[in-house]
Amino acid sequence: MYYLIQYRNSIEKAVDLSKQAIFPQTKQEFQSILIPTEFKEMEPLSKSTKSYKIVKWGTVAAIFILIGLLIVVFTTDYLRSSIFSLSYFFFAIITAVRHRGNLFLLPDGIILQGRYFSYNRVKEYEVEQIVRWHDLYGLEDRLNFSYKLTVKVKGFFPLVNYVAVENEDHLNKIIDILEMNGVTGTRKPDSTHQSSPKVSTKL
């Protein structure tokens, strides 16, 4: 329940901070970022979006459900024999109340999956091109020959810490902003040595 409340508060804070974003700003920049796991285009953070409302009202519903289950567990023997199944159910409730995902770069930090982190908490970034034999290749047409950008944060282990970036110019802009703020990283070479019209040979 603490996690759910904290997550809801983090989303509310992120909505306000996202207005200061350096990237993305334009419609084309938002469209270029694909969010796992559905790989849909990233949306601006707003209290009017469907995913924000899911977090807002889903948190309330989830807390009531969890309280009800805890009362049953501690006052009866009804669910005691299936404690492992109950644990999975708790996890399913928590993971269901989630925002779609996002990555915003701000003047003094980033918003990753609805949480704000200052740049001194961002450890590194990693870029790999999504080509044949990559785990993400073929899951969605727009993913093929785009770029998987992973952002690692100190002391935080999100379920998903990456996005896919279609446009290499936008990817380079993201990397420039990260590196200007002291965040270093690596770009893995294309192991297939194949080229595509969407890919530049510049690394």
N, C-alpha and C. Protein backbone atom coordinates (compact mmCIF):
# COMPACT_ATOMS: atom_id res chain seq x y z
N MET A 1 0.84 -1.21 0.00
CA MET A 1 0.00 0.00 0.00
C MET A 1 0.87 1.26 0.00
N TYR A 2 2.00 1.17 0.73
CA TYR A 2 2.94 2.30 0.73
C TYR A 2 3.47 2.56 -0.67
N TYR A 3 3.81 1.46 -1.38
CA TYR A 3 4.31 1.59 -2.74
C TYR A 3 3.28 2.25 -3.65
N LEU A 4 2.02 1.82 -3.54
CA LEU A 4 0.97 2.38 -4.40
C LEU A 4 0.78 3.86 -4.16
N ILE A 5 0.77 4.27 -2.88
CA ILE A 5 0.59 5.68 -2.56
C ILE A 5 1.79 6.50 -3.04
N GLN A 6 2.99 5.96 -2.82
CA GLN A 6 4.20 6.65 -3.26
C GLN A 6 4.23 6.79 -4.78
N TYR A 7 3.81 5.74 -5.48
CA TYR A 7 3.80 5.78 -6.94
C TYR A 7 2.82 6.82 -7.46
N ARG A 8 1.64 6.89 -6.83
CA ARG A 8 0.66 7.88 -7.24
C ARG A 8 1.19 9.29 -7.02
N ASN A 9 1.85 9.53 -5.90
CA ASN A 9 2.42 10.85 -5.62
C ASN A 9 3.53 11.19 -6.61
N SER A 10 4.31 10.17 -7.00
CA SER A 10 5.39 10.39 -7.96
C SER A 10 4.84 10.80 -9.33
N ILE A 11 3.74 10.16 -9.75
CA ILE A 11 3.12 10.52 -11.03
C ILE A 11 2.61 11.95 -11.00
N GLU A 12 1.98 12.36 -9.89
CA GLU A 12 1.47 13.72 -9.78
C GLU A 12 2.61 14.73 -9.87
N LYS A 13 3.72 14.44 -9.22
CA LYS A 13 4.89 15.32 -9.29
C LYS A 13 5.45 15.36 -10.71
N ALA A 14 5.50 14.20 -11.36
CA ALA A 14 6.04 14.12 -12.72
C ALA A 14 5.21 14.91 -13.71
N VAL A 15 3.89 14.93 -13.53
CA VAL A 15 3.01 15.71 -14.41
C VAL A 15 3.42 17.17 -14.40
N ASP A 16 3.67 17.72 -13.22
CA ASP A 16 4.05 19.13 -13.11
C ASP A 16 5.45 19.38 -13.67
N LEU A 17 6.40 18.49 -13.34
CA LEU A 17 7.78 18.68 -13.79
C LEU A 17 7.94 18.50 -15.30
N SER A 18 7.09 17.66 -15.91
CA SER A 18 7.24 17.38 -17.34
C SER A 18 7.03 18.63 -18.21
N LYS A 19 6.40 19.64 -17.65
CA LYS A 19 6.21 20.90 -18.39
C LYS A 19 7.53 21.62 -18.63
N GLN A 20 8.58 21.24 -17.86
CA GLN A 20 9.90 21.85 -18.03
C GLN A 20 10.78 21.07 -18.99
N ALA A 21 10.24 20.04 -19.61
CA ALA A 21 11.05 19.11 -20.41
C ALA A 21 11.79 19.81 -21.55
N ILE A 22 13.07 19.45 -21.69
CA ILE A 22 13.87 19.86 -22.84
C ILE A 22 13.59 18.93 -24.02
N PHE A 23 13.36 17.68 -23.67
CA PHE A 23 13.03 16.66 -24.67
C PHE A 23 12.14 15.61 -24.01
N PRO A 24 11.08 15.17 -24.71
CA PRO A 24 10.56 15.64 -25.99
C PRO A 24 9.69 16.89 -25.82
N GLN A 25 9.60 17.67 -26.90
CA GLN A 25 8.76 18.86 -26.90
C GLN A 25 7.77 18.87 -28.07
N THR A 26 8.26 18.51 -29.24
CA THR A 26 7.41 18.56 -30.43
C THR A 26 6.62 17.27 -30.61
N LYS A 27 5.61 17.34 -31.45
CA LYS A 27 4.79 16.17 -31.75
C LYS A 27 5.64 15.06 -32.36
N GLN A 28 6.58 15.45 -33.25
CA GLN A 28 7.43 14.46 -33.90
C GLN A 28 8.34 13.75 -32.89
N GLU A 29 8.82 14.48 -31.89
CA GLU A 29 9.68 13.87 -30.87
C GLU A 29 8.90 12.88 -30.01
N PHE A 30 7.67 13.22 -29.64
CA PHE A 30 6.84 12.28 -28.89
C PHE A 30 6.56 11.03 -29.71
N GLN A 31 6.25 11.21 -30.99
CA GLN A 31 5.92 10.08 -31.86
C GLN A 31 7.11 9.15 -32.09
N SER A 32 8.32 9.68 -31.95
CA SER A 32 9.52 8.91 -32.20
C SER A 32 9.87 7.97 -31.05
N ILE A 33 9.28 8.19 -29.87
CA ILE A 33 9.58 7.37 -28.70
C ILE A 33 8.47 6.34 -28.51
N LEU A 34 8.82 5.08 -28.54
CA LEU A 34 7.87 3.98 -28.36
C LEU A 34 8.05 3.38 -26.97
N ILE A 35 6.94 3.24 -26.26
CA ILE A 35 6.96 2.81 -24.87
C ILE A 35 6.64 1.32 -24.76
N PRO A 36 7.47 0.54 -24.05
CA PRO A 36 7.12 -0.86 -23.79
C PRO A 36 5.91 -0.93 -22.87
N THR A 37 5.12 -1.99 -22.81
CA THR A 37 5.37 -3.19 -23.59
C THR A 37 4.49 -3.23 -24.85
N GLU A 38 3.61 -2.28 -24.97
CA GLU A 38 2.74 -2.23 -26.14
C GLU A 38 3.42 -1.52 -27.30
N PHE A 39 4.49 -0.79 -27.02
CA PHE A 39 5.25 -0.05 -28.02
C PHE A 39 4.37 0.94 -28.78
N LYS A 40 3.60 1.69 -28.00
CA LYS A 40 2.83 2.79 -28.56
C LYS A 40 3.62 4.08 -28.38
N GLU A 41 3.25 5.10 -29.15
CA GLU A 41 3.95 6.38 -29.06
C GLU A 41 3.76 6.99 -27.67
N MET A 42 4.81 7.62 -27.19
CA MET A 42 4.74 8.25 -25.89
C MET A 42 3.79 9.45 -25.92
N GLU A 43 3.06 9.63 -24.84
CA GLU A 43 2.11 10.73 -24.72
C GLU A 43 2.63 11.76 -23.72
N PRO A 44 2.22 13.02 -23.87
CA PRO A 44 2.55 14.01 -22.84
C PRO A 44 1.93 13.59 -21.51
N LEU A 45 2.61 13.93 -20.41
CA LEU A 45 2.06 13.64 -19.08
C LEU A 45 0.99 14.67 -18.76
N SER A 46 -0.21 14.20 -18.51
CA SER A 46 -1.32 15.09 -18.23
C SER A 46 -2.32 14.39 -17.33
N LYS A 47 -2.97 15.17 -16.46
CA LYS A 47 -3.96 14.59 -15.56
C LYS A 47 -5.25 14.19 -16.28
N SER A 48 -5.34 14.55 -17.56
CA SER A 48 -6.54 14.21 -18.32
C SER A 48 -6.39 12.91 -19.11
N THR A 49 -5.18 12.33 -19.12
CA THR A 49 -4.97 11.11 -19.90
C THR A 49 -5.55 9.89 -19.19
N LYS A 50 -5.86 8.88 -19.97
CA LYS A 50 -6.46 7.66 -19.44
C LYS A 50 -5.53 6.96 -18.46
N SER A 51 -4.22 6.90 -18.79
CA SER A 51 -3.28 6.19 -17.93
C SER A 51 -3.10 6.87 -16.59
N TYR A 52 -3.16 8.22 -16.57
CA TYR A 52 -3.07 8.92 -15.29
C TYR A 52 -4.29 8.62 -14.43
N LYS A 53 -5.47 8.59 -15.05
CA LYS A 53 -6.69 8.29 -14.29
C LYS A 53 -6.67 6.86 -13.75
N ILE A 54 -6.06 5.94 -14.51
CA ILE A 54 -5.94 4.57 -14.02
C ILE A 54 -5.12 4.54 -12.74
N VAL A 55 -4.01 5.29 -12.73
CA VAL A 55 -3.17 5.35 -11.53
C VAL A 55 -3.92 6.03 -10.38
N LYS A 56 -4.59 7.13 -10.68
CA LYS A 56 -5.27 7.90 -9.64
C LYS A 56 -6.37 7.09 -8.96
N TRP A 57 -7.29 6.57 -9.75
CA TRP A 57 -8.43 5.85 -9.16
C TRP A 57 -8.12 4.38 -8.92
N GLY A 58 -7.21 3.82 -9.71
CA GLY A 58 -6.82 2.44 -9.50
C GLY A 58 -6.10 2.25 -8.17
N THR A 59 -5.34 3.27 -7.76
CA THR A 59 -4.66 3.20 -6.47
C THR A 59 -5.66 3.08 -5.33
N VAL A 60 -6.71 3.88 -5.38
CA VAL A 60 -7.74 3.84 -4.35
C VAL A 60 -8.41 2.46 -4.31
N ALA A 61 -8.79 1.96 -5.49
CA ALA A 61 -9.45 0.65 -5.55
C ALA A 61 -8.52 -0.46 -5.07
N ALA A 62 -7.24 -0.40 -5.49
CA ALA A 62 -6.28 -1.44 -5.11
C ALA A 62 -6.06 -1.46 -3.60
N ILE A 63 -6.01 -0.30 -2.97
CA ILE A 63 -5.80 -0.23 -1.52
C ILE A 63 -6.97 -0.89 -0.78
N PHE A 64 -8.18 -0.61 -1.21
CA PHE A 64 -9.35 -1.22 -0.57
C PHE A 64 -9.34 -2.74 -0.75
N ILE A 65 -8.95 -3.21 -1.94
CA ILE A 65 -8.88 -4.65 -2.19
C ILE A 65 -7.82 -5.30 -1.29
N LEU A 66 -6.65 -4.65 -1.22
CA LEU A 66 -5.57 -5.20 -0.40
C LEU A 66 -5.95 -5.23 1.08
N ILE A 67 -6.60 -4.18 1.56
CA ILE A 67 -7.04 -4.15 2.95
C ILE A 67 -8.02 -5.30 3.22
N GLY A 68 -8.96 -5.49 2.28
CA GLY A 68 -9.94 -6.57 2.42
C GLY A 68 -9.27 -7.93 2.48
N LEU A 69 -8.28 -8.15 1.60
CA LEU A 69 -7.57 -9.43 1.58
C LEU A 69 -6.77 -9.65 2.86
N LEU A 70 -6.15 -8.59 3.36
CA LEU A 70 -5.37 -8.71 4.60
C LEU A 70 -6.27 -9.05 5.79
N ILE A 71 -7.45 -8.46 5.80
CA ILE A 71 -8.40 -8.77 6.88
C ILE A 71 -8.80 -10.24 6.83
N VAL A 72 -9.06 -10.74 5.62
CA VAL A 72 -9.43 -12.15 5.46
C VAL A 72 -8.29 -13.05 5.91
N VAL A 73 -7.05 -12.71 5.52
CA VAL A 73 -5.89 -13.54 5.86
C VAL A 73 -5.67 -13.62 7.37
N PHE A 74 -5.80 -12.48 8.06
CA PHE A 74 -5.47 -12.45 9.49
C PHE A 74 -6.64 -12.83 10.41
N THR A 75 -7.82 -12.92 9.85
CA THR A 75 -8.97 -13.25 10.71
C THR A 75 -9.59 -14.60 10.40
N THR A 76 -9.19 -15.22 9.30
CA THR A 76 -9.75 -16.52 8.93
C THR A 76 -8.65 -17.44 8.42
N ASP A 77 -9.00 -18.68 8.21
CA ASP A 77 -8.08 -19.65 7.62
C ASP A 77 -8.39 -19.88 6.14
N TYR A 78 -9.27 -19.05 5.59
CA TYR A 78 -9.78 -19.30 4.25
C TYR A 78 -8.68 -19.27 3.19
N LEU A 79 -7.76 -18.31 3.30
CA LEU A 79 -6.72 -18.16 2.27
C LEU A 79 -5.34 -18.60 2.74
N ARG A 80 -5.23 -19.09 3.97
CA ARG A 80 -3.92 -19.41 4.50
C ARG A 80 -3.23 -20.53 3.74
N SER A 81 -4.00 -21.47 3.24
CA SER A 81 -3.40 -22.59 2.51
C SER A 81 -2.91 -22.20 1.12
N SER A 82 -3.30 -21.03 0.64
CA SER A 82 -2.87 -20.59 -0.70
C SER A 82 -2.09 -19.28 -0.61
N ILE A 83 -1.17 -19.21 0.36
CA ILE A 83 -0.44 -17.97 0.61
C ILE A 83 0.42 -17.56 -0.57
N PHE A 84 0.96 -18.55 -1.32
CA PHE A 84 1.78 -18.22 -2.47
C PHE A 84 0.94 -17.63 -3.60
N SER A 85 -0.22 -18.21 -3.81
CA SER A 85 -1.13 -17.66 -4.82
C SER A 85 -1.57 -16.25 -4.43
N LEU A 86 -1.74 -16.03 -3.14
CA LEU A 86 -2.14 -14.71 -2.65
C LEU A 86 -1.03 -13.69 -2.91
N SER A 87 0.22 -14.12 -2.75
CA SER A 87 1.34 -13.21 -3.01
C SER A 87 1.38 -12.79 -4.47
N TYR A 88 1.14 -13.74 -5.36
CA TYR A 88 1.08 -13.41 -6.78
C TYR A 88 -0.08 -12.46 -7.08
N PHE A 89 -1.17 -12.64 -6.37
CA PHE A 89 -2.33 -11.76 -6.56
C PHE A 89 -2.00 -10.34 -6.12
N PHE A 90 -1.31 -10.21 -4.99
CA PHE A 90 -0.86 -8.89 -4.53
C PHE A 90 0.02 -8.22 -5.59
N PHE A 91 0.95 -9.00 -6.12
CA PHE A 91 1.86 -8.47 -7.15
C PHE A 91 1.09 -8.05 -8.39
N ALA A 92 0.10 -8.85 -8.79
CA ALA A 92 -0.71 -8.52 -9.97
C ALA A 92 -1.47 -7.22 -9.78
N ILE A 93 -1.98 -6.99 -8.57
CA ILE A 93 -2.71 -5.75 -8.29
C ILE A 93 -1.77 -4.55 -8.40
N ILE A 94 -0.59 -4.68 -7.81
CA ILE A 94 0.37 -3.57 -7.82
C ILE A 94 0.82 -3.23 -9.23
N THR A 95 1.13 -4.26 -10.04
CA THR A 95 1.61 -4.00 -11.39
C THR A 95 0.50 -3.52 -12.33
N ALA A 96 -0.75 -3.80 -11.99
CA ALA A 96 -1.86 -3.35 -12.84
C ALA A 96 -2.07 -1.85 -12.75
N VAL A 97 -1.72 -1.28 -11.60
CA VAL A 97 -1.92 0.17 -11.40
C VAL A 97 -0.63 0.87 -11.81
N ARG A 98 -0.43 0.99 -13.11
CA ARG A 98 0.79 1.60 -13.61
C ARG A 98 0.49 2.53 -14.76
N HIS A 99 1.32 3.57 -14.86
CA HIS A 99 1.23 4.49 -15.99
C HIS A 99 1.84 3.82 -17.21
N ARG A 100 1.51 4.30 -18.40
CA ARG A 100 1.99 3.67 -19.63
C ARG A 100 3.51 3.69 -19.75
N GLY A 101 4.16 4.65 -19.13
CA GLY A 101 5.61 4.76 -19.25
C GLY A 101 6.02 6.03 -19.98
N ASN A 102 7.23 6.51 -19.70
CA ASN A 102 7.68 7.76 -20.29
C ASN A 102 9.16 8.00 -20.01
N LEU A 103 9.74 8.90 -20.79
CA LEU A 103 11.10 9.36 -20.57
C LEU A 103 11.15 10.83 -20.95
N PHE A 104 11.34 11.68 -19.96
CA PHE A 104 11.47 13.12 -20.20
C PHE A 104 12.85 13.56 -19.70
N LEU A 105 13.50 14.44 -20.46
CA LEU A 105 14.76 15.03 -20.04
C LEU A 105 14.49 16.47 -19.62
N LEU A 106 14.85 16.79 -18.39
CA LEU A 106 14.64 18.11 -17.82
C LEU A 106 15.97 18.83 -17.65
N PRO A 107 15.97 20.11 -17.33
CA PRO A 107 17.25 20.82 -17.12
C PRO A 107 18.08 20.24 -15.98
N ASP A 108 17.42 19.68 -14.95
CA ASP A 108 18.18 19.19 -13.79
C ASP A 108 17.94 17.72 -13.47
N GLY A 109 17.31 16.99 -14.38
CA GLY A 109 17.07 15.57 -14.12
C GLY A 109 16.22 14.94 -15.21
N ILE A 110 15.75 13.72 -14.94
CA ILE A 110 14.91 13.00 -15.90
C ILE A 110 13.65 12.50 -15.19
N ILE A 111 12.63 12.25 -15.99
CA ILE A 111 11.46 11.52 -15.53
C ILE A 111 11.48 10.19 -16.25
N LEU A 112 11.59 9.11 -15.48
CA LEU A 112 11.63 7.76 -16.04
C LEU A 112 10.49 6.95 -15.45
N GLN A 113 9.58 6.49 -16.32
CA GLN A 113 8.43 5.68 -15.88
C GLN A 113 7.67 6.36 -14.74
N GLY A 114 7.47 7.66 -14.89
CA GLY A 114 6.63 8.39 -13.93
C GLY A 114 7.33 8.84 -12.67
N ARG A 115 8.66 8.66 -12.57
CA ARG A 115 9.40 9.07 -11.39
C ARG A 115 10.50 10.05 -11.78
N TYR A 116 10.71 11.05 -10.93
CA TYR A 116 11.74 12.05 -11.20
C TYR A 116 13.05 11.63 -10.53
N PHE A 117 14.17 11.81 -11.28
CA PHE A 117 15.50 11.55 -10.74
C PHE A 117 16.43 12.68 -11.17
N SER A 118 17.21 13.21 -10.22
CA SER A 118 18.22 14.20 -10.59
C SER A 118 19.32 13.50 -11.39
N TYR A 119 20.09 14.28 -12.15
CA TYR A 119 21.12 13.67 -13.00
C TYR A 119 22.19 12.94 -12.20
N ASN A 120 22.44 13.35 -10.95
CA ASN A 120 23.46 12.64 -10.17
C ASN A 120 23.02 11.25 -9.74
N ARG A 121 21.75 10.91 -9.97
CA ARG A 121 21.26 9.55 -9.69
C ARG A 121 21.23 8.69 -10.95
N VAL A 122 21.46 9.29 -12.10
CA VAL A 122 21.46 8.53 -13.35
C VAL A 122 22.85 7.95 -13.57
N LYS A 123 22.98 6.64 -13.52
CA LYS A 123 24.27 5.97 -13.62
C LYS A 123 24.84 6.03 -15.02
N GLU A 124 24.04 5.59 -15.99
CA GLU A 124 24.54 5.48 -17.35
C GLU A 124 23.39 5.19 -18.31
N TYR A 125 23.69 5.32 -19.60
CA TYR A 125 22.73 4.92 -20.62
C TYR A 125 23.39 3.86 -21.50
N GLU A 126 22.55 3.12 -22.20
CA GLU A 126 23.05 2.10 -23.12
C GLU A 126 22.16 2.08 -24.35
N VAL A 127 22.78 2.08 -25.53
CA VAL A 127 22.04 2.09 -26.80
C VAL A 127 22.40 0.86 -27.60
N GLU A 128 21.39 0.20 -28.12
CA GLU A 128 21.63 -0.91 -29.05
C GLU A 128 20.60 -0.85 -30.16
N GLN A 129 21.05 -1.08 -31.36
CA GLN A 129 20.15 -1.05 -32.50
C GLN A 129 19.34 -2.34 -32.55
N ILE A 130 18.07 -2.19 -32.85
CA ILE A 130 17.18 -3.34 -32.90
C ILE A 130 17.20 -3.91 -34.32
N VAL A 131 18.11 -4.85 -34.53
CA VAL A 131 18.26 -5.49 -35.83
C VAL A 131 17.95 -6.98 -35.68
N ARG A 132 18.05 -7.70 -36.76
CA ARG A 132 17.74 -9.13 -36.75
C ARG A 132 18.51 -9.85 -35.64
N TRP A 133 17.84 -10.73 -34.93
CA TRP A 133 18.33 -11.51 -33.80
C TRP A 133 18.26 -10.75 -32.47
N HIS A 134 17.91 -9.48 -32.51
CA HIS A 134 17.70 -8.75 -31.25
C HIS A 134 16.39 -9.23 -30.62
N ASP A 135 16.31 -9.22 -29.29
CA ASP A 135 15.12 -9.71 -28.59
C ASP A 135 13.85 -8.98 -29.00
N LEU A 136 13.96 -7.70 -29.36
CA LEU A 136 12.78 -6.91 -29.70
C LEU A 136 12.46 -6.92 -31.19
N TYR A 137 13.36 -7.43 -31.99
CA TYR A 137 13.16 -7.41 -33.45
C TYR A 137 11.95 -8.27 -33.82
N GLY A 138 11.05 -7.69 -34.63
CA GLY A 138 9.89 -8.44 -35.11
C GLY A 138 8.66 -8.35 -34.23
N LEU A 139 8.80 -7.78 -33.02
CA LEU A 139 7.63 -7.65 -32.14
C LEU A 139 6.66 -6.60 -32.67
N GLU A 140 7.19 -5.62 -33.34
CA GLU A 140 6.39 -4.52 -33.91
C GLU A 140 7.19 -3.95 -35.06
N ASP A 141 6.53 -3.69 -36.19
CA ASP A 141 7.24 -3.22 -37.38
C ASP A 141 8.06 -1.97 -37.12
N ARG A 142 7.53 -1.07 -36.30
CA ARG A 142 8.22 0.19 -36.07
C ARG A 142 9.48 0.01 -35.22
N LEU A 143 9.58 -1.12 -34.53
CA LEU A 143 10.77 -1.37 -33.72
C LEU A 143 11.98 -1.75 -34.57
N ASN A 144 11.72 -2.41 -35.68
CA ASN A 144 12.81 -2.91 -36.51
C ASN A 144 13.69 -1.77 -37.01
N PHE A 145 14.99 -1.88 -36.74
CA PHE A 145 16.01 -0.90 -37.12
C PHE A 145 15.88 0.43 -36.36
N SER A 146 15.11 0.43 -35.28
CA SER A 146 15.13 1.59 -34.39
C SER A 146 16.16 1.31 -33.30
N TYR A 147 16.10 2.05 -32.18
CA TYR A 147 17.14 1.93 -31.16
C TYR A 147 16.52 1.71 -29.78
N LYS A 148 17.08 0.76 -29.07
CA LYS A 148 16.68 0.53 -27.69
C LYS A 148 17.58 1.37 -26.79
N LEU A 149 16.97 2.29 -26.04
CA LEU A 149 17.71 3.17 -25.14
C LEU A 149 17.38 2.78 -23.70
N THR A 150 18.37 2.26 -23.00
CA THR A 150 18.21 1.85 -21.60
C THR A 150 18.85 2.90 -20.71
N VAL A 151 18.13 3.32 -19.67
CA VAL A 151 18.64 4.31 -18.72
C VAL A 151 18.68 3.66 -17.34
N LYS A 152 19.86 3.62 -16.75
CA LYS A 152 20.04 2.98 -15.45
C LYS A 152 20.16 4.05 -14.36
N VAL A 153 19.39 3.85 -13.30
CA VAL A 153 19.32 4.83 -12.21
C VAL A 153 19.79 4.19 -10.92
N LYS A 154 20.56 4.92 -10.12
CA LYS A 154 21.06 4.42 -8.84
C LYS A 154 19.91 4.21 -7.86
N GLY A 155 19.89 3.04 -7.25
CA GLY A 155 18.92 2.77 -6.19
C GLY A 155 17.50 2.63 -6.66
N PHE A 156 17.31 2.36 -7.94
CA PHE A 156 15.94 2.22 -8.46
C PHE A 156 15.93 1.13 -9.51
N PHE A 157 14.99 0.20 -9.37
CA PHE A 157 14.92 -0.93 -10.28
C PHE A 157 13.50 -1.04 -10.84
N PRO A 158 13.19 -0.24 -11.87
CA PRO A 158 11.85 -0.30 -12.45
C PRO A 158 11.64 -1.60 -13.20
N LEU A 159 10.38 -1.96 -13.39
CA LEU A 159 10.08 -3.16 -14.17
C LEU A 159 10.60 -3.01 -15.59
N VAL A 160 10.53 -1.80 -16.13
CA VAL A 160 11.03 -1.52 -17.47
C VAL A 160 11.83 -0.21 -17.41
N ASN A 161 13.08 -0.23 -17.84
CA ASN A 161 13.89 0.99 -17.78
C ASN A 161 14.44 1.37 -19.15
N TYR A 162 13.64 1.07 -20.18
CA TYR A 162 14.09 1.43 -21.53
C TYR A 162 12.92 1.92 -22.37
N VAL A 163 13.26 2.61 -23.45
CA VAL A 163 12.30 3.00 -24.48
C VAL A 163 12.94 2.67 -25.82
N ALA A 164 12.14 2.68 -26.87
CA ALA A 164 12.66 2.53 -28.23
C ALA A 164 12.55 3.88 -28.93
N VAL A 165 13.63 4.28 -29.60
CA VAL A 165 13.67 5.57 -30.31
C VAL A 165 13.81 5.29 -31.79
N GLU A 166 12.83 5.74 -32.57
CA GLU A 166 12.85 5.46 -34.01
C GLU A 166 13.85 6.32 -34.76
N ASN A 167 13.90 7.59 -34.44
CA ASN A 167 14.66 8.57 -35.21
C ASN A 167 16.06 8.73 -34.61
N GLU A 168 17.10 8.52 -35.42
CA GLU A 168 18.46 8.61 -34.90
C GLU A 168 18.83 10.03 -34.49
N ASP A 169 18.30 11.03 -35.20
CA ASP A 169 18.57 12.42 -34.80
C ASP A 169 18.01 12.70 -33.41
N HIS A 170 16.83 12.16 -33.14
CA HIS A 170 16.25 12.33 -31.81
C HIS A 170 17.07 11.58 -30.76
N LEU A 171 17.54 10.39 -31.12
CA LEU A 171 18.39 9.63 -30.21
C LEU A 171 19.66 10.42 -29.88
N ASN A 172 20.29 11.00 -30.90
CA ASN A 172 21.51 11.77 -30.67
C ASN A 172 21.23 12.99 -29.80
N LYS A 173 20.06 13.58 -29.95
CA LYS A 173 19.70 14.73 -29.11
C LYS A 173 19.57 14.31 -27.65
N ILE A 174 18.95 13.15 -27.43
CA ILE A 174 18.82 12.61 -26.06
C ILE A 174 20.20 12.37 -25.46
N ILE A 175 21.07 11.73 -26.23
CA ILE A 175 22.42 11.42 -25.74
C ILE A 175 23.19 12.69 -25.43
N ASP A 176 23.07 13.69 -26.30
CA ASP A 176 23.77 14.96 -26.07
C ASP A 176 23.33 15.59 -24.76
N ILE A 177 22.03 15.58 -24.49
CA ILE A 177 21.52 16.17 -23.25
C ILE A 177 22.03 15.40 -22.04
N LEU A 178 22.00 14.07 -22.11
CA LEU A 178 22.49 13.25 -21.01
C LEU A 178 23.97 13.52 -20.74
N GLU A 179 24.77 13.54 -21.81
CA GLU A 179 26.20 13.71 -21.63
C GLU A 179 26.56 15.12 -21.18
N MET A 180 25.80 16.12 -21.62
CA MET A 180 26.04 17.48 -21.14
C MET A 180 25.79 17.61 -19.64
N ASN A 181 25.00 16.68 -19.10
CA ASN A 181 24.70 16.69 -17.68
C ASN A 181 25.47 15.61 -16.91
N GLY A 182 26.55 15.13 -17.52
CA GLY A 182 27.46 14.23 -16.82
C GLY A 182 27.10 12.76 -16.86
N VAL A 183 26.15 12.37 -17.69
CA VAL A 183 25.75 10.96 -17.78
C VAL A 183 26.47 10.33 -18.97
N THR A 184 27.26 9.31 -18.70
CA THR A 184 28.00 8.63 -19.76
C THR A 184 27.31 7.31 -20.11
N GLY A 185 27.71 6.75 -21.24
CA GLY A 185 27.09 5.50 -21.65
C GLY A 185 27.81 4.87 -22.81
N THR A 186 27.19 3.84 -23.37
CA THR A 186 27.79 3.10 -24.47
C THR A 186 26.77 2.87 -25.58
N ARG A 187 27.28 2.72 -26.79
CA ARG A 187 26.46 2.34 -27.93
C ARG A 187 27.00 1.04 -28.48
N LYS A 188 26.23 -0.02 -28.34
CA LYS A 188 26.67 -1.33 -28.82
C LYS A 188 26.68 -1.36 -30.34
N PRO A 189 27.72 -1.92 -30.94
CA PRO A 189 27.75 -2.00 -32.41
C PRO A 189 26.73 -3.00 -32.93
N ASP A 190 26.32 -2.80 -34.17
CA ASP A 190 25.39 -3.72 -34.83
C ASP A 190 26.13 -4.99 -35.19
N SER A 191 25.79 -6.08 -34.50
CA SER A 191 26.50 -7.34 -34.70
C SER A 191 26.22 -7.98 -36.05
N THR A 192 25.15 -7.57 -36.71
CA THR A 192 24.81 -8.18 -38.01
C THR A 192 25.53 -7.52 -39.17
N HIS A 193 26.05 -6.30 -38.92
CA HIS A 193 26.74 -5.54 -39.96
C HIS A 193 25.82 -5.26 -41.15
N GLN A 194 24.51 -5.13 -40.86
CA GLN A 194 23.55 -4.85 -41.92
C GLN A 194 23.19 -3.37 -41.85
N SER A 195 22.72 -2.83 -42.94
CA SER A 195 22.33 -1.43 -42.97
C SER A 195 20.87 -1.33 -43.33
N SER A 196 20.32 -0.16 -43.09
CA SER A 196 18.91 0.10 -43.38
C SER A 196 18.76 1.56 -43.71
N PRO A 197 17.78 1.96 -44.54
CA PRO A 197 17.57 3.36 -44.85
C PRO A 197 17.34 4.22 -43.61
N LYS A 198 16.85 3.61 -42.53
CA LYS A 198 16.54 4.38 -41.32
C LYS A 198 17.78 4.61 -40.45
N VAL A 199 18.89 3.95 -40.79
CA VAL A 199 20.05 3.94 -39.92
C VAL A 199 21.19 4.73 -40.53
N SER A 200 21.82 5.56 -39.76
CA SER A 200 23.01 6.26 -40.19
C SER A 200 24.23 5.43 -39.80
N THR A 201 25.31 5.58 -40.53
CA THR A 201 26.53 4.86 -40.18
C THR A 201 27.32 5.60 -39.12
N LYS A 202 26.89 6.79 -38.78
CA LYS A 202 27.59 7.57 -37.76
C LYS A 202 27.28 7.01 -36.38
N LEU A 203 28.31 6.78 -35.56
CA LEU A 203 28.15 6.26 -34.21
C LEU A 203 28.55 7.33 -33.21
